[in-house]
Amino acid sequence: MIRLNSQATTASVISPANTPAVLHAMPSGAPRNRLGLAQWLTLPDHPLMKKWWDYMAPLMEVEADNRPKEWPLPLIFHHA
């Protein structure tokens, strides 16, 4: 469906939200919305994420595969 000025000009079949066929599929349990897209883009095995890690590796401490090192966060606040 194409909408211009909130008016439907042409009716067509609306395809389900999914990734392009040239890219790997979204995780099976991921929602088909912006949250699912964010989860998909930040997967460690996603090609875009790997390129980003390679690009940013000189600026941060990294593991052997260029993914950032992870540390547990210190406890700052504690509710009794």
N, C-alpha and C. Protein backbone atom coordinates (compact mmCIF):
# COMPACT_ATOMS: atom_id res chain seq x y z
N MET A 1 0.84 -1.17 0.00
CA MET A 1 0.00 0.00 0.00
C MET A 1 0.89 1.23 0.00
N ILE A 2 0.60 2.16 -0.85
CA ILE A 2 1.33 3.43 -0.92
C ILE A 2 0.44 4.51 -0.34
N ARG A 3 0.97 5.27 0.59
CA ARG A 3 0.18 6.34 1.20
C ARG A 3 0.84 7.68 0.92
N LEU A 4 0.06 8.59 0.40
CA LEU A 4 0.49 9.97 0.21
C LEU A 4 -0.51 10.85 0.92
N ASN A 5 -0.04 11.71 1.80
CA ASN A 5 -0.92 12.60 2.56
C ASN A 5 -2.01 11.82 3.29
N SER A 6 -1.64 10.69 3.86
CA SER A 6 -2.54 9.82 4.63
C SER A 6 -3.68 9.23 3.81
N GLN A 7 -3.60 9.26 2.51
CA GLN A 7 -4.63 8.68 1.65
C GLN A 7 -4.04 7.49 0.90
N ALA A 8 -4.75 6.38 0.91
CA ALA A 8 -4.30 5.21 0.17
C ALA A 8 -4.55 5.44 -1.31
N THR A 9 -3.47 5.40 -2.11
CA THR A 9 -3.62 5.62 -3.55
C THR A 9 -3.66 4.32 -4.33
N THR A 10 -3.00 3.30 -3.84
CA THR A 10 -2.98 2.02 -4.52
C THR A 10 -3.03 0.91 -3.49
N ALA A 11 -3.88 -0.02 -3.69
CA ALA A 11 -3.97 -1.16 -2.78
C ALA A 11 -3.08 -2.28 -3.30
N SER A 12 -2.35 -2.88 -2.42
CA SER A 12 -1.52 -4.02 -2.79
C SER A 12 -1.35 -4.90 -1.56
N VAL A 13 -0.72 -6.02 -1.76
CA VAL A 13 -0.47 -6.94 -0.65
C VAL A 13 0.68 -6.38 0.17
N ILE A 14 0.48 -6.28 1.47
CA ILE A 14 1.53 -5.79 2.35
C ILE A 14 2.38 -6.98 2.77
N SER A 15 3.67 -6.93 2.44
CA SER A 15 4.55 -8.05 2.76
C SER A 15 4.96 -7.99 4.23
N PRO A 16 5.23 -9.14 4.83
CA PRO A 16 5.62 -9.15 6.24
C PRO A 16 7.01 -8.53 6.42
N ALA A 17 7.24 -7.95 7.58
CA ALA A 17 8.54 -7.36 7.87
C ALA A 17 9.58 -8.46 7.97
N ASN A 18 10.63 -8.32 7.21
CA ASN A 18 11.71 -9.30 7.21
C ASN A 18 12.96 -8.67 6.65
N THR A 19 14.07 -9.37 6.75
CA THR A 19 15.32 -8.86 6.21
C THR A 19 15.44 -9.19 4.73
N PRO A 20 16.24 -8.44 3.98
CA PRO A 20 16.45 -8.76 2.57
C PRO A 20 17.08 -10.15 2.41
N ALA A 21 16.80 -10.80 1.31
CA ALA A 21 17.29 -12.15 1.09
C ALA A 21 18.81 -12.23 1.01
N VAL A 22 19.47 -11.14 0.63
CA VAL A 22 20.93 -11.17 0.52
C VAL A 22 21.61 -11.14 1.89
N LEU A 23 20.87 -10.81 2.94
CA LEU A 23 21.43 -10.79 4.29
C LEU A 23 20.94 -12.00 5.07
N HIS A 24 21.65 -12.32 6.15
CA HIS A 24 21.19 -13.48 6.93
C HIS A 24 19.91 -13.13 7.68
N ALA A 25 19.18 -14.14 8.06
CA ALA A 25 17.84 -13.96 8.64
C ALA A 25 17.90 -13.40 10.05
N MET A 26 16.80 -12.77 10.44
CA MET A 26 16.66 -12.29 11.82
C MET A 26 16.52 -13.49 12.74
N PRO A 27 16.87 -13.32 14.03
CA PRO A 27 16.68 -14.44 14.97
C PRO A 27 15.22 -14.88 15.00
N SER A 28 15.00 -16.15 15.25
CA SER A 28 13.65 -16.69 15.18
C SER A 28 12.70 -16.07 16.21
N GLY A 29 13.19 -15.73 17.38
CA GLY A 29 12.31 -15.18 18.40
C GLY A 29 12.23 -13.67 18.41
N ALA A 30 12.95 -13.01 17.51
CA ALA A 30 12.99 -11.54 17.51
C ALA A 30 11.67 -10.97 16.99
N PRO A 31 11.18 -9.91 17.63
CA PRO A 31 9.96 -9.28 17.13
C PRO A 31 10.22 -8.59 15.79
N ARG A 32 9.22 -8.50 14.97
CA ARG A 32 9.37 -7.87 13.65
C ARG A 32 9.04 -6.38 13.76
N ASN A 33 9.88 -5.67 14.52
CA ASN A 33 9.71 -4.23 14.70
C ASN A 33 11.08 -3.61 14.90
N ARG A 34 11.13 -2.37 15.40
CA ARG A 34 12.42 -1.70 15.58
C ARG A 34 13.31 -2.41 16.59
N LEU A 35 12.71 -2.97 17.63
CA LEU A 35 13.50 -3.70 18.61
C LEU A 35 14.15 -4.93 17.97
N GLY A 36 13.39 -5.65 17.18
CA GLY A 36 13.93 -6.81 16.48
C GLY A 36 15.04 -6.42 15.52
N LEU A 37 14.87 -5.30 14.83
CA LEU A 37 15.91 -4.81 13.93
C LEU A 37 17.19 -4.49 14.70
N ALA A 38 17.05 -3.83 15.85
CA ALA A 38 18.21 -3.49 16.67
C ALA A 38 18.90 -4.75 17.18
N GLN A 39 18.12 -5.74 17.61
CA GLN A 39 18.71 -7.00 18.08
C GLN A 39 19.45 -7.70 16.94
N TRP A 40 18.88 -7.66 15.76
CA TRP A 40 19.48 -8.31 14.60
C TRP A 40 20.79 -7.63 14.20
N LEU A 41 20.78 -6.29 14.17
CA LEU A 41 21.98 -5.56 13.78
C LEU A 41 23.13 -5.69 14.76
N THR A 42 22.83 -5.95 16.02
CA THR A 42 23.88 -6.04 17.03
C THR A 42 24.29 -7.47 17.36
N LEU A 43 23.86 -8.43 16.58
CA LEU A 43 24.31 -9.80 16.79
C LEU A 43 25.82 -9.88 16.56
N PRO A 44 26.55 -10.61 17.39
CA PRO A 44 28.01 -10.70 17.21
C PRO A 44 28.43 -11.26 15.86
N ASP A 45 27.62 -12.12 15.24
CA ASP A 45 28.00 -12.70 13.95
C ASP A 45 27.46 -11.91 12.76
N HIS A 46 26.82 -10.78 12.99
CA HIS A 46 26.30 -9.96 11.90
C HIS A 46 27.47 -9.29 11.16
N PRO A 47 27.52 -9.35 9.83
CA PRO A 47 28.64 -8.77 9.07
C PRO A 47 28.85 -7.28 9.34
N LEU A 48 27.79 -6.54 9.49
CA LEU A 48 27.92 -5.10 9.77
C LEU A 48 28.57 -4.87 11.13
N MET A 49 28.20 -5.67 12.12
CA MET A 49 28.80 -5.53 13.45
C MET A 49 30.28 -5.88 13.40
N LYS A 50 30.63 -6.91 12.66
CA LYS A 50 32.05 -7.28 12.55
C LYS A 50 32.86 -6.18 11.87
N LYS A 51 32.29 -5.56 10.84
CA LYS A 51 32.99 -4.45 10.18
C LYS A 51 33.18 -3.28 11.14
N TRP A 52 32.15 -3.00 11.94
CA TRP A 52 32.24 -1.91 12.90
C TRP A 52 33.34 -2.21 13.94
N TRP A 53 33.38 -3.44 14.43
CA TRP A 53 34.41 -3.81 15.41
C TRP A 53 35.80 -3.68 14.80
N ASP A 54 35.96 -4.11 13.54
CA ASP A 54 37.26 -3.98 12.88
C ASP A 54 37.66 -2.51 12.76
N TYR A 55 36.71 -1.66 12.44
CA TYR A 55 36.96 -0.23 12.28
C TYR A 55 37.32 0.42 13.62
N MET A 56 36.64 0.02 14.69
CA MET A 56 36.83 0.64 16.00
C MET A 56 37.94 -0.01 16.83
N ALA A 57 38.51 -1.13 16.39
CA ALA A 57 39.49 -1.87 17.17
C ALA A 57 40.68 -1.02 17.64
N PRO A 58 41.22 -0.11 16.82
CA PRO A 58 42.35 0.69 17.32
C PRO A 58 41.99 1.61 18.48
N LEU A 59 40.72 1.87 18.70
CA LEU A 59 40.30 2.83 19.71
C LEU A 59 39.89 2.20 21.04
N MET A 60 39.84 0.87 21.11
CA MET A 60 39.35 0.23 22.32
C MET A 60 40.08 -1.08 22.58
N GLU A 61 39.94 -1.60 23.78
CA GLU A 61 40.51 -2.90 24.09
C GLU A 61 39.61 -3.97 23.49
N VAL A 62 40.23 -4.90 22.76
CA VAL A 62 39.44 -5.90 22.03
C VAL A 62 39.95 -7.31 22.30
N GLU A 63 39.10 -8.27 21.99
CA GLU A 63 39.46 -9.69 22.02
C GLU A 63 40.19 -10.02 20.72
N ALA A 64 40.57 -11.27 20.54
CA ALA A 64 41.31 -11.69 19.35
C ALA A 64 40.52 -11.48 18.06
N ASP A 65 39.18 -11.59 18.13
CA ASP A 65 38.34 -11.43 16.93
C ASP A 65 37.84 -9.99 16.76
N ASN A 66 38.46 -9.03 17.45
CA ASN A 66 38.14 -7.59 17.39
C ASN A 66 36.83 -7.20 18.06
N ARG A 67 36.17 -8.13 18.76
CA ARG A 67 34.99 -7.69 19.50
C ARG A 67 35.45 -7.04 20.78
N PRO A 68 34.71 -6.05 21.27
CA PRO A 68 35.14 -5.33 22.47
C PRO A 68 35.20 -6.25 23.69
N LYS A 69 36.17 -5.97 24.55
CA LYS A 69 36.24 -6.71 25.82
C LYS A 69 35.06 -6.28 26.68
N GLU A 70 34.61 -7.20 27.49
CA GLU A 70 33.48 -6.93 28.38
C GLU A 70 33.91 -7.11 29.82
N TRP A 71 33.43 -6.20 30.68
CA TRP A 71 33.69 -6.27 32.11
C TRP A 71 32.37 -6.19 32.83
N PRO A 72 32.27 -6.85 33.98
CA PRO A 72 31.03 -6.69 34.77
C PRO A 72 30.98 -5.27 35.34
N LEU A 73 29.80 -4.71 35.37
CA LEU A 73 29.63 -3.37 35.92
C LEU A 73 29.68 -3.42 37.45
N PRO A 74 30.35 -2.45 38.06
CA PRO A 74 30.39 -2.45 39.53
C PRO A 74 29.04 -2.04 40.09
N LEU A 75 28.72 -2.56 41.26
CA LEU A 75 27.48 -2.20 41.94
C LEU A 75 27.64 -0.79 42.50
N ILE A 76 26.83 0.14 42.08
CA ILE A 76 26.93 1.52 42.53
C ILE A 76 25.86 1.82 43.58
N PHE A 77 24.64 1.45 43.31
CA PHE A 77 23.54 1.69 44.24
C PHE A 77 22.99 0.36 44.74
N HIS A 78 22.59 0.35 45.96
CA HIS A 78 22.01 -0.88 46.52
C HIS A 78 20.79 -0.50 47.37
N HIS A 79 19.67 -1.08 47.04
CA HIS A 79 18.46 -0.87 47.84
C HIS A 79 18.33 -2.01 48.83
N ALA A 80 18.13 -1.68 50.07
CA ALA A 80 18.02 -2.71 51.10
C ALA A 80 16.65 -3.36 51.09
